[in-house]
Full PDB file with SEQRES, HELIX, SHEET, SSBOND, CRYST1, ORIGX, SCALE, CONECT and MASTER records, all heavy atoms in Angstrom:
SEQRES   1 A   44  TRP SER ASP GLY ASN THR ASN ALA SER ARG THR VAL THR          
SEQRES   2 A   44  VAL THR LYS ALA ALA THR TYR THR ALA THR PHE ALA ILE          
SEQRES   3 A   44  ASP THR HIS VAL LEU THR VAL THR SER ALA ASN THR THR          
SEQRES   4 A   44  MET GLY THR VAL THR                                          
CRYST1    1.000    1.000    1.000  90.00  90.00  90.00 P 1           1          
ORIGX1      1.000000  0.000000  0.000000        0.00000                         
ORIGX2      0.000000  1.000000  0.000000        0.00000                         
ORIGX3      0.000000  0.000000  1.000000        0.00000                         
SCALE1      1.000000  0.000000  0.000000        0.00000                         
SCALE2      0.000000  1.000000  0.000000        0.00000                         
SCALE3      0.000000  0.000000  1.000000        0.00000                         
ATOM      1  N   TRP A   1      90.687  94.167  92.322  1.00  0.00           N  
ATOM      2  CA  TRP A   1      89.318  94.451  92.732  1.00  0.00           C  
ATOM      3  C   TRP A   1      88.439  94.553  91.488  1.00  0.00           C  
ATOM      4  O   TRP A   1      88.941  94.695  90.378  1.00  0.00           O  
ATOM      5  CB  TRP A   1      89.257  95.764  93.516  1.00  0.00           C  
ATOM      6  CG  TRP A   1      89.989  95.727  94.828  1.00  0.00           C  
ATOM      7  CD1 TRP A   1      91.232  96.199  95.083  1.00  0.00           C  
ATOM      8  CD2 TRP A   1      89.508  95.161  96.055  1.00  0.00           C  
ATOM      9  NE1 TRP A   1      91.575  95.971  96.389  1.00  0.00           N  
ATOM     10  CE2 TRP A   1      90.527  95.338  97.022  1.00  0.00           C  
ATOM     11  CE3 TRP A   1      88.318  94.547  96.446  1.00  0.00           C  
ATOM     12  CZ2 TRP A   1      90.400  94.932  98.338  1.00  0.00           C  
ATOM     13  CZ3 TRP A   1      88.190  94.131  97.766  1.00  0.00           C  
ATOM     14  CH2 TRP A   1      89.206  94.317  98.697  1.00  0.00           C  
ATOM     15  N   SER A   2      87.160  94.507  91.695  1.00  0.00           N  
ATOM     16  CA  SER A   2      86.210  94.536  90.576  1.00  0.00           C  
ATOM     17  C   SER A   2      86.254  95.826  89.757  1.00  0.00           C  
ATOM     18  O   SER A   2      85.803  95.857  88.619  1.00  0.00           O  
ATOM     19  CB  SER A   2      84.779  94.303  91.089  1.00  0.00           C  
ATOM     20  OG  SER A   2      84.506  95.124  92.209  1.00  0.00           O  
ATOM     21  N   ASP A   3      86.808  96.901  90.342  1.00  0.00           N  
ATOM     22  CA  ASP A   3      86.934  98.149  89.576  1.00  0.00           C  
ATOM     23  C   ASP A   3      88.273  98.256  88.870  1.00  0.00           C  
ATOM     24  O   ASP A   3      88.625  99.298  88.314  1.00  0.00           O  
ATOM     25  CB  ASP A   3      86.701  99.371  90.467  1.00  0.00           C  
ATOM     26  CG  ASP A   3      87.744  99.482  91.587  1.00  0.00           C  
ATOM     27  OD1 ASP A   3      88.551  98.545  91.739  1.00  0.00           O  
ATOM     28  OD2 ASP A   3      87.731 100.506  92.293  1.00  0.00           O  
ATOM     29  N   GLY A   4      89.056  97.160  88.907  1.00  0.00           N  
ATOM     30  CA  GLY A   4      90.330  97.132  88.203  1.00  0.00           C  
ATOM     31  C   GLY A   4      91.531  97.504  89.043  1.00  0.00           C  
ATOM     32  O   GLY A   4      92.677  97.318  88.617  1.00  0.00           O  
ATOM     33  N   ASN A   5      91.320  98.026  90.240  1.00  0.00           N  
ATOM     34  CA  ASN A   5      92.430  98.416  91.109  1.00  0.00           C  
ATOM     35  C   ASN A   5      93.196  97.176  91.568  1.00  0.00           C  
ATOM     36  O   ASN A   5      92.596  96.177  91.961  1.00  0.00           O  
ATOM     37  CB  ASN A   5      91.885  99.196  92.310  1.00  0.00           C  
ATOM     38  CG  ASN A   5      92.984  99.805  93.149  1.00  0.00           C  
ATOM     39  OD1 ASN A   5      93.740  99.104  93.798  1.00  0.00           O  
ATOM     40  ND2 ASN A   5      93.064 101.133  93.140  1.00  0.00           N  
ATOM     41  N   THR A   6      94.531  97.279  91.542  1.00  0.00           N  
ATOM     42  CA  THR A   6      95.358  96.105  91.855  1.00  0.00           C  
ATOM     43  C   THR A   6      96.071  96.205  93.204  1.00  0.00           C  
ATOM     44  O   THR A   6      96.990  95.439  93.488  1.00  0.00           O  
ATOM     45  CB  THR A   6      96.403  95.881  90.756  1.00  0.00           C  
ATOM     46  OG1 THR A   6      97.176  97.084  90.590  1.00  0.00           O  
ATOM     47  CG2 THR A   6      95.732  95.526  89.440  1.00  0.00           C  
ATOM     48  N   ASN A   7      95.652  97.156  94.036  1.00  0.00           N  
ATOM     49  CA  ASN A   7      96.218  97.279  95.382  1.00  0.00           C  
ATOM     50  C   ASN A   7      95.376  96.474  96.362  1.00  0.00           C  
ATOM     51  O   ASN A   7      94.187  96.766  96.548  1.00  0.00           O  
ATOM     52  CB  ASN A   7      96.272  98.737  95.818  1.00  0.00           C  
ATOM     53  CG  ASN A   7      97.199  99.562  94.948  1.00  0.00           C  
ATOM     54  OD1 ASN A   7      98.350  99.197  94.732  1.00  0.00           O  
ATOM     55  ND2 ASN A   7      96.707 100.679  94.437  1.00  0.00           N  
ATOM     56  N   ALA A   8      95.982  95.486  96.990  1.00  0.00           N  
ATOM     57  CA  ALA A   8      95.237  94.622  97.913  1.00  0.00           C  
ATOM     58  C   ALA A   8      94.667  95.416  99.082  1.00  0.00           C  
ATOM     59  O   ALA A   8      93.544  95.178  99.533  1.00  0.00           O  
ATOM     60  CB  ALA A   8      96.134  93.505  98.426  1.00  0.00           C  
ATOM     61  N   SER A   9      95.432  96.398  99.567  1.00  0.00           N  
ATOM     62  CA  SER A   9      94.954  97.278 100.637  1.00  0.00           C  
ATOM     63  C   SER A   9      94.868  98.677 100.056  1.00  0.00           C  
ATOM     64  O   SER A   9      95.854  99.207  99.517  1.00  0.00           O  
ATOM     65  CB  SER A   9      95.921  97.256 101.827  1.00  0.00           C  
ATOM     66  OG  SER A   9      95.455  98.099 102.858  1.00  0.00           O  
ATOM     67  N   ARG A  10      93.699  99.286 100.173  1.00  0.00           N  
ATOM     68  CA  ARG A  10      93.504 100.594  99.549  1.00  0.00           C  
ATOM     69  C   ARG A  10      92.477 101.405 100.333  1.00  0.00           C  
ATOM     70  O   ARG A  10      91.714 100.868 101.136  1.00  0.00           O  
ATOM     71  CB  ARG A  10      93.015 100.412  98.119  1.00  0.00           C  
ATOM     72  CG  ARG A  10      91.717  99.638  98.038  1.00  0.00           C  
ATOM     73  CD  ARG A  10      91.302  99.316  96.627  1.00  0.00           C  
ATOM     74  NE  ARG A  10      90.771 100.469  95.925  1.00  0.00           N  
ATOM     75  CZ  ARG A  10      89.869 100.390  94.935  1.00  0.00           C  
ATOM     76  NH1 ARG A  10      89.438  99.198  94.523  1.00  0.00           N  
ATOM     77  NH2 ARG A  10      89.440 101.456  94.346  1.00  0.00           N  
ATOM     78  N   THR A  11      92.455 102.700 100.087  1.00  0.00           N  
ATOM     79  CA  THR A  11      91.483 103.590 100.720  1.00  0.00           C  
ATOM     80  C   THR A  11      90.493 104.071  99.682  1.00  0.00           C  
ATOM     81  O   THR A  11      90.893 104.520  98.592  1.00  0.00           O  
ATOM     82  CB  THR A  11      92.185 104.793 101.378  1.00  0.00           C  
ATOM     83  OG1 THR A  11      93.082 104.321 102.383  1.00  0.00           O  
ATOM     84  CG2 THR A  11      91.169 105.727 102.016  1.00  0.00           C  
ATOM     85  N   VAL A  12      89.211 103.969  99.999  1.00  0.00           N  
ATOM     86  CA  VAL A  12      88.166 104.440  99.090  1.00  0.00           C  
ATOM     87  C   VAL A  12      87.352 105.521  99.783  1.00  0.00           C  
ATOM     88  O   VAL A  12      87.189 105.516 101.004  1.00  0.00           O  
ATOM     89  CB  VAL A  12      87.243 103.291  98.634  1.00  0.00           C  
ATOM     90  CG1 VAL A  12      88.009 102.264  97.827  1.00  0.00           C  
ATOM     91  CG2 VAL A  12      86.547 102.624  99.827  1.00  0.00           C  
ATOM     92  N   THR A  13      86.840 106.476  99.005  1.00  0.00           N  
ATOM     93  CA  THR A  13      86.000 107.547  99.537  1.00  0.00           C  
ATOM     94  C   THR A  13      84.541 107.208  99.269  1.00  0.00           C  
ATOM     95  O   THR A  13      84.161 106.906  98.137  1.00  0.00           O  
ATOM     96  CB  THR A  13      86.350 108.895  98.885  1.00  0.00           C  
ATOM     97  OG1 THR A  13      87.729 109.193  99.142  1.00  0.00           O  
ATOM     98  CG2 THR A  13      85.487 110.021  99.454  1.00  0.00           C  
ATOM     99  N   VAL A  14      83.728 107.248 100.302  1.00  0.00           N  
ATOM    100  CA  VAL A  14      82.322 106.846 100.198  1.00  0.00           C  
ATOM    101  C   VAL A  14      81.480 108.009  99.686  1.00  0.00           C  
ATOM    102  O   VAL A  14      81.318 109.025 100.370  1.00  0.00           O  
ATOM    103  CB  VAL A  14      81.790 106.373 101.563  1.00  0.00           C  
ATOM    104  CG1 VAL A  14      80.324 105.986 101.448  1.00  0.00           C  
ATOM    105  CG2 VAL A  14      82.617 105.208 102.083  1.00  0.00           C  
ATOM    106  N   THR A  15      80.933 107.861  98.475  1.00  0.00           N  
ATOM    107  CA  THR A  15      80.038 108.878  97.912  1.00  0.00           C  
ATOM    108  C   THR A  15      78.692 108.273  97.507  1.00  0.00           C  
ATOM    109  O   THR A  15      77.762 108.997  97.165  1.00  0.00           O  
ATOM    110  CB  THR A  15      80.660 109.548  96.686  1.00  0.00           C  
ATOM    111  OG1 THR A  15      80.981 108.552  95.705  1.00  0.00           O  
ATOM    112  CG2 THR A  15      81.934 110.302  97.063  1.00  0.00           C  
ATOM    113  N   LYS A  16      78.610 106.945  97.549  1.00  0.00           N  
ATOM    114  CA  LYS A  16      77.373 106.244  97.212  1.00  0.00           C  
ATOM    115  C   LYS A  16      77.531 104.787  97.637  1.00  0.00           C  
ATOM    116  O   LYS A  16      78.634 104.357  98.024  1.00  0.00           O  
ATOM    117  CB  LYS A  16      77.085 106.324  95.718  1.00  0.00           C  
ATOM    118  CG  LYS A  16      78.176 105.709  94.850  1.00  0.00           C  
ATOM    119  CD  LYS A  16      77.868 105.846  93.380  1.00  0.00           C  
ATOM    120  CE  LYS A  16      78.983 105.228  92.525  1.00  0.00           C  
ATOM    121  NZ  LYS A  16      78.690 105.360  91.076  1.00  0.00           N  
ATOM    122  N   ALA A  17      76.451 104.037  97.556  1.00  0.00           N  
ATOM    123  CA  ALA A  17      76.543 102.600  97.842  1.00  0.00           C  
ATOM    124  C   ALA A  17      77.433 101.955  96.777  1.00  0.00           C  
ATOM    125  O   ALA A  17      77.336 102.282  95.583  1.00  0.00           O  
ATOM    126  CB  ALA A  17      75.160 101.967  97.827  1.00  0.00           C  
ATOM    127  N   ALA A  18      78.316 101.067  97.203  1.00  0.00           N  
ATOM    128  CA  ALA A  18      79.247 100.452  96.254  1.00  0.00           C  
ATOM    129  C   ALA A  18      79.633  99.051  96.709  1.00  0.00           C  
ATOM    130  O   ALA A  18      79.585  98.741  97.904  1.00  0.00           O  
ATOM    131  CB  ALA A  18      80.496 101.310  96.105  1.00  0.00           C  
ATOM    132  N   THR A  19      80.008  98.242  95.732  1.00  0.00           N  
ATOM    133  CA  THR A  19      80.467  96.877  96.000  1.00  0.00           C  
ATOM    134  C   THR A  19      81.862  96.696  95.412  1.00  0.00           C  
ATOM    135  O   THR A  19      82.100  97.050  94.248  1.00  0.00           O  
ATOM    136  CB  THR A  19      79.512  95.833  95.399  1.00  0.00           C  
ATOM    137  OG1 THR A  19      78.221  95.969  95.996  1.00  0.00           O  
ATOM    138  CG2 THR A  19      80.028  94.425  95.631  1.00  0.00           C  
ATOM    139  N   TYR A  20      82.764  96.176  96.222  1.00  0.00           N  
ATOM    140  CA  TYR A  20      84.129  95.879  95.767  1.00  0.00           C  
ATOM    141  C   TYR A  20      84.373  94.383  95.976  1.00  0.00           C  
ATOM    142  O   TYR A  20      84.290  93.895  97.098  1.00  0.00           O  
ATOM    143  CB  TYR A  20      85.153  96.687  96.569  1.00  0.00           C  
ATOM    144  CG  TYR A  20      85.030  98.175  96.354  1.00  0.00           C  
ATOM    145  CD1 TYR A  20      84.223  98.952  97.176  1.00  0.00           C  
ATOM    146  CD2 TYR A  20      85.711  98.812  95.313  1.00  0.00           C  
ATOM    147  CE1 TYR A  20      84.097 100.322  96.979  1.00  0.00           C  
ATOM    148  CE2 TYR A  20      85.593 100.173  95.107  1.00  0.00           C  
ATOM    149  CZ  TYR A  20      84.785 100.924  95.943  1.00  0.00           C  
ATOM    150  OH  TYR A  20      84.661 102.283  95.750  1.00  0.00           O  
ATOM    151  N   THR A  21      84.640  93.699  94.873  1.00  0.00           N  
ATOM    152  CA  THR A  21      84.873  92.255  94.927  1.00  0.00           C  
ATOM    153  C   THR A  21      86.337  91.971  94.615  1.00  0.00           C  
ATOM    154  O   THR A  21      86.867  92.428  93.592  1.00  0.00           O  
ATOM    155  CB  THR A  21      83.982  91.510  93.922  1.00  0.00           C  
ATOM    156  OG1 THR A  21      82.606  91.803  94.211  1.00  0.00           O  
ATOM    157  CG2 THR A  21      84.201  90.007  93.988  1.00  0.00           C  
ATOM    158  N   ALA A  22      86.983  91.215  95.506  1.00  0.00           N  
ATOM    159  CA  ALA A  22      88.399  90.870  95.330  1.00  0.00           C  
ATOM    160  C   ALA A  22      88.528  89.536  94.602  1.00  0.00           C  
ATOM    161  O   ALA A  22      87.866  88.563  94.958  1.00  0.00           O  
ATOM    162  CB  ALA A  22      89.096  90.792  96.682  1.00  0.00           C  
ATOM    163  N   THR A  23      89.369  89.543  93.584  1.00  0.00           N  
ATOM    164  CA  THR A  23      89.657  88.315  92.842  1.00  0.00           C  
ATOM    165  C   THR A  23      91.032  87.789  93.254  1.00  0.00           C  
ATOM    166  O   THR A  23      91.992  88.558  93.348  1.00  0.00           O  
ATOM    167  CB  THR A  23      89.643  88.578  91.327  1.00  0.00           C  
ATOM    168  OG1 THR A  23      88.363  89.085  90.952  1.00  0.00           O  
ATOM    169  CG2 THR A  23      89.914  87.292  90.551  1.00  0.00           C  
ATOM    170  N   PHE A  24      91.085  86.478  93.488  1.00  0.00           N  
ATOM    171  CA  PHE A  24      92.346  85.813  93.846  1.00  0.00           C  
ATOM    172  C   PHE A  24      92.665  84.753  92.792  1.00  0.00           C  
ATOM    173  O   PHE A  24      91.800  84.363  92.005  1.00  0.00           O  
ATOM    174  CB  PHE A  24      92.236  85.145  95.218  1.00  0.00           C  
ATOM    175  CG  PHE A  24      91.923  86.096  96.340  1.00  0.00           C  
ATOM    176  CD1 PHE A  24      90.606  86.352  96.705  1.00  0.00           C  
ATOM    177  CD2 PHE A  24      92.944  86.739  97.024  1.00  0.00           C  
ATOM    178  CE1 PHE A  24      90.311  87.226  97.744  1.00  0.00           C  
ATOM    179  CE2 PHE A  24      92.657  87.614  98.065  1.00  0.00           C  
ATOM    180  CZ  PHE A  24      91.329  87.867  98.428  1.00  0.00           C  
ATOM    181  N   ALA A  25      93.891  84.301  92.797  1.00  0.00           N  
ATOM    182  CA  ALA A  25      94.284  83.216  91.883  1.00  0.00           C  
ATOM    183  C   ALA A  25      95.297  82.328  92.594  1.00  0.00           C  
ATOM    184  O   ALA A  25      95.982  82.768  93.535  1.00  0.00           O  
ATOM    185  CB  ALA A  25      94.870  83.772  90.588  1.00  0.00           C  
ATOM    186  N   ILE A  26      95.389  81.096  92.141  1.00  0.00           N  
ATOM    187  CA  ILE A  26      96.340  80.161  92.741  1.00  0.00           C  
ATOM    188  C   ILE A  26      97.763  80.530  92.330  1.00  0.00           C  
ATOM    189  O   ILE A  26      97.992  81.050  91.228  1.00  0.00           O  
ATOM    190  CB  ILE A  26      96.001  78.703  92.336  1.00  0.00           C  
ATOM    191  CG1 ILE A  26      96.732  77.708  93.237  1.00  0.00           C  
ATOM    192  CG2 ILE A  26      96.296  78.460  90.855  1.00  0.00           C  
ATOM    193  CD1 ILE A  26      96.217  76.287  93.110  1.00  0.00           C  
ATOM    194  N   ASP A  27      98.712  80.306  93.224  1.00  0.00           N  
ATOM    195  CA  ASP A  27     100.117  80.566  92.897  1.00  0.00           C  
ATOM    196  C   ASP A  27     100.591  79.574  91.845  1.00  0.00           C  
ATOM    197  O   ASP A  27     100.144  78.420  91.800  1.00  0.00           O  
ATOM    198  CB  ASP A  27     101.001  80.424  94.146  1.00  0.00           C  
ATOM    199  CG  ASP A  27     100.749  81.534  95.155  1.00  0.00           C  
ATOM    200  OD1 ASP A  27     100.144  82.566  94.786  1.00  0.00           O  
ATOM    201  OD2 ASP A  27     101.159  81.355  96.327  1.00  0.00           O  
ATOM    202  N   THR A  28     101.499  80.035  90.997  1.00  0.00           N  
ATOM    203  CA  THR A  28     102.107  79.152  89.992  1.00  0.00           C  
ATOM    204  C   THR A  28     103.617  79.126  90.202  1.00  0.00           C  
ATOM    205  O   THR A  28     104.200  80.112  90.699  1.00  0.00           O  
ATOM    206  CB  THR A  28     101.795  79.622  88.560  1.00  0.00           C  
ATOM    207  OG1 THR A  28     102.282  80.962  88.389  1.00  0.00           O  
ATOM    208  CG2 THR A  28     100.304  79.562  88.274  1.00  0.00           C  
ATOM    209  N   HIS A  29     104.224  78.001  89.830  1.00  0.00           N  
ATOM    210  CA  HIS A  29     105.667  77.846  90.015  1.00  0.00           C  
ATOM    211  C   HIS A  29     106.274  77.212  88.768  1.00  0.00           C  
ATOM    212  O   HIS A  29     105.620  76.424  88.068  1.00  0.00           O  
ATOM    213  CB  HIS A  29     105.958  76.953  91.229  1.00  0.00           C  
ATOM    214  CG  HIS A  29     105.395  77.528  92.506  1.00  0.00           C  
ATOM    215  ND1 HIS A  29     105.985  78.544  93.192  1.00  0.00           N  
ATOM    216  CD2 HIS A  29     104.267  77.202  93.207  1.00  0.00           C  
ATOM    217  CE1 HIS A  29     105.261  78.847  94.260  1.00  0.00           C  
ATOM    218  NE2 HIS A  29     104.214  78.029  94.297  1.00  0.00           N  
ATOM    219  N   VAL A  30     107.527  77.556  88.527  1.00  0.00           N  
ATOM    220  CA  VAL A  30     108.242  77.015  87.368  1.00  0.00           C  
ATOM    221  C   VAL A  30     108.942  75.719  87.777  1.00  0.00           C  
ATOM    222  O   VAL A  30     109.681  75.690  88.769  1.00  0.00           O  
ATOM    223  CB  VAL A  30     109.283  78.012  86.827  1.00  0.00           C  
ATOM    224  CG1 VAL A  30     110.108  77.365  85.699  1.00  0.00           C  
ATOM    225  CG2 VAL A  30     108.601  79.270  86.353  1.00  0.00           C  
ATOM    226  N   LEU A  31     108.645  74.675  87.027  1.00  0.00           N  
ATOM    227  CA  LEU A  31     109.297  73.378  87.248  1.00  0.00           C  
ATOM    228  C   LEU A  31     110.297  73.190  86.105  1.00  0.00           C  
ATOM    229  O   LEU A  31     109.907  73.063  84.937  1.00  0.00           O  
ATOM    230  CB  LEU A  31     108.256  72.250  87.245  1.00  0.00           C  
ATOM    231  CG  LEU A  31     108.745  70.878  87.686  1.00  0.00           C  
ATOM    232  CD1 LEU A  31     109.168  70.897  89.153  1.00  0.00           C  
ATOM    233  CD2 LEU A  31     107.647  69.851  87.480  1.00  0.00           C  
ATOM    234  N   THR A  32     111.599  73.199  86.449  1.00  0.00           N  
ATOM    235  CA  THR A  32     112.644  73.074  85.423  1.00  0.00           C  
ATOM    236  C   THR A  32     113.178  71.641  85.432  1.00  0.00           C  
ATOM    237  O   THR A  32     113.601  71.126  86.481  1.00  0.00           O  
ATOM    238  CB  THR A  32     113.795  74.062  85.710  1.00  0.00           C  
ATOM    239  OG1 THR A  32     113.252  75.395  85.771  1.00  0.00           O  
ATOM    240  CG2 THR A  32     114.855  73.983  84.616  1.00  0.00           C  
ATOM    241  N   VAL A  33     113.110  71.012  84.288  1.00  0.00           N  
ATOM    242  CA  VAL A  33     113.589  69.626  84.149  1.00  0.00           C  
ATOM    243  C   VAL A  33     114.702  69.625  83.105  1.00  0.00           C  
ATOM    244  O   VAL A  33     114.493  70.032  81.963  1.00  0.00           O  
ATOM    245  CB  VAL A  33     112.445  68.684  83.713  1.00  0.00           C  
ATOM    246  CG1 VAL A  33     112.946  67.234  83.677  1.00  0.00           C  
ATOM    247  CG2 VAL A  33     111.271  68.811  84.672  1.00  0.00           C  
ATOM    248  N   THR A  34     115.911  69.178  83.503  1.00  0.00           N  
ATOM    249  CA  THR A  34     117.055  69.219  82.578  1.00  0.00           C  
ATOM    250  C   THR A  34     117.782  67.877  82.521  1.00  0.00           C  
ATOM    251  O   THR A  34     117.665  67.054  83.439  1.00  0.00           O  
ATOM    252  CB  THR A  34     118.072  70.307  82.997  1.00  0.00           C  
ATOM    253  OG1 THR A  34     118.602  69.975  84.285  1.00  0.00           O  
ATOM    254  CG2 THR A  34     117.421  71.680  83.041  1.00  0.00           C  
ATOM    255  N   SER A  35     118.513  67.715  81.488  1.00  0.00           N  
ATOM    256  CA  SER A  35     119.365  66.523  81.322  1.00  0.00           C  
ATOM    257  C   SER A  35     120.801  66.933  81.613  1.00  0.00           C  
ATOM    258  O   SER A  35     121.257  67.968  81.117  1.00  0.00           O  
ATOM    259  CB  SER A  35     119.264  66.000  79.882  1.00  0.00           C  
ATOM    260  OG  SER A  35     120.270  65.026  79.635  1.00  0.00           O  
ATOM    261  N   ALA A  36     121.495  66.127  82.409  1.00  0.00           N  
ATOM    262  CA  ALA A  36     122.897  66.437  82.717  1.00  0.00           C  
ATOM    263  C   ALA A  36     123.763  66.315  81.468  1.00  0.00           C  
ATOM    264  O   ALA A  36     124.820  66.954  81.368  1.00  0.00           O  
ATOM    265  CB  ALA A  36     123.409  65.509  83.807  1.00  0.00           C  
ATOM    266  N   ASN A  37     123.257  65.508  80.511  1.00  0.00           N  
ATOM    267  CA  ASN A  37     124.021  65.339  79.276  1.00  0.00           C  
ATOM    268  C   ASN A  37     123.038  64.976  78.178  1.00  0.00           C  
ATOM    269  O   ASN A  37     122.542  63.842  78.113  1.00  0.00           O  
ATOM    270  CB  ASN A  37     125.076  64.235  79.438  1.00  0.00           C  
ATOM    271  CG  ASN A  37     126.017  64.170  78.239  1.00  0.00           C  
ATOM    272  OD1 ASN A  37     125.619  64.403  77.100  1.00  0.00           O  
ATOM    273  ND2 ASN A  37     127.275  63.799  78.501  1.00  0.00           N  
ATOM    274  N   THR A  38     122.736  65.940  77.360  1.00  0.00           N  
ATOM    275  CA  THR A  38     121.724  65.730  76.318  1.00  0.00           C  
ATOM    276  C   THR A  38     122.196  64.731  75.250  1.00  0.00           C  
ATOM    277  O   THR A  38     121.389  64.233  74.477  1.00  0.00           O  
ATOM    278  CB  THR A  38     121.359  67.068  75.641  1.00  0.00           C  
ATOM    279  OG1 THR A  38     122.566  67.683  75.152  1.00  0.00           O  
ATOM    280  CG2 THR A  38     120.666  67.985  76.629  1.00  0.00           C  
ATOM    281  N   THR A  39     123.505  64.460  75.236  1.00  0.00           N  
ATOM    282  CA  THR A  39     124.009  63.449  74.296  1.00  0.00           C  
ATOM    283  C   THR A  39     123.567  62.062  74.743  1.00  0.00           C  
ATOM    284  O   THR A  39     123.351  61.156  73.939  1.00  0.00           O  
ATOM    285  CB  THR A  39     125.546  63.532  74.206  1.00  0.00           C  
ATOM    286  OG1 THR A  39     125.916  64.832  73.760  1.00  0.00           O  
ATOM    287  CG2 THR A  39     126.107  62.498  73.253  1.00  0.00           C  
ATOM    288  N   MET A  40     123.421  61.931  76.036  1.00  0.00           N  
ATOM    289  CA  MET A  40     123.071  60.631  76.597  1.00  0.00           C  
ATOM    290  C   MET A  40     121.548  60.431  76.724  1.00  0.00           C  
ATOM    291  O   MET A  40     121.056  59.303  76.725  1.00  0.00           O  
ATOM    292  CB  MET A  40     123.710  60.484  77.979  1.00  0.00           C  
ATOM    293  CG  MET A  40     125.221  60.470  77.947  1.00  0.00           C  
ATOM    294  SD  MET A  40     125.867  60.238  79.620  1.00  0.00           S  
ATOM    295  CE  MET A  40     127.624  60.136  79.296  1.00  0.00           C  
ATOM    296  N   GLY A  41     120.795  61.550  76.885  1.00  0.00           N  
ATOM    297  CA  GLY A  41     119.347  61.386  77.056  1.00  0.00           C  
ATOM    298  C   GLY A  41     118.625  62.719  77.155  1.00  0.00           C  
ATOM    299  O   GLY A  41     119.228  63.769  77.386  1.00  0.00           O  
ATOM    300  N   THR A  42     117.311  62.648  76.980  1.00  0.00           N  
ATOM    301  CA  THR A  42     116.474  63.857  77.037  1.00  0.00           C  
ATOM    302  C   THR A  42     115.432  63.721  78.145  1.00  0.00           C  
ATOM    303  O   THR A  42     115.176  62.627  78.657  1.00  0.00           O  
ATOM    304  CB  THR A  42     115.763  64.085  75.690  1.00  0.00           C  
ATOM    305  OG1 THR A  42     114.968  62.936  75.403  1.00  0.00           O  
ATOM    306  CG2 THR A  42     116.778  64.308  74.572  1.00  0.00           C  
ATOM    307  N   VAL A  43     114.821  64.886  78.452  1.00  0.00           N  
ATOM    308  CA  VAL A  43     113.803  64.917  79.513  1.00  0.00           C  
ATOM    309  C   VAL A  43     112.590  65.714  79.043  1.00  0.00           C  
ATOM    310  O   VAL A  43     112.687  66.590  78.173  1.00  0.00           O  
ATOM    311  CB  VAL A  43     114.366  65.548  80.808  1.00  0.00           C  
ATOM    312  CG1 VAL A  43     115.444  64.660  81.410  1.00  0.00           C  
ATOM    313  CG2 VAL A  43     114.900  66.950  80.545  1.00  0.00           C  
ATOM    314  N   THR A  44     111.448  65.422  79.664  1.00  0.00           N  
ATOM    315  CA  THR A  44     110.211  66.187  79.397  1.00  0.00           C  
ATOM    316  C   THR A  44     109.478  66.412  80.719  1.00  0.00           C  
ATOM    317  O   THR A  44     109.708  65.710  81.697  1.00  0.00           O  
ATOM    318  CB  THR A  44     109.282  65.436  78.426  1.00  0.00           C  
ATOM    319  OG1 THR A  44     108.936  64.162  79.003  1.00  0.00           O  
ATOM    320  CG2 THR A  44     109.935  65.239  77.070  1.00  0.00           C  
TER     321      THR A  44                                                      
MASTER        0    0    0    0    0    0    0    6  320    1    0    4          
END                                                                             
């Protein structure tokens, strides 16, 4: 959230007018590329 809180669902106490903005990001995944035999060839 814009106040730094990292709980997606949270309880806030209302004491004044306030704005809470949620930031999202795209998921990332690890792509592992290997050679069965590095003597024979390499990968990138």
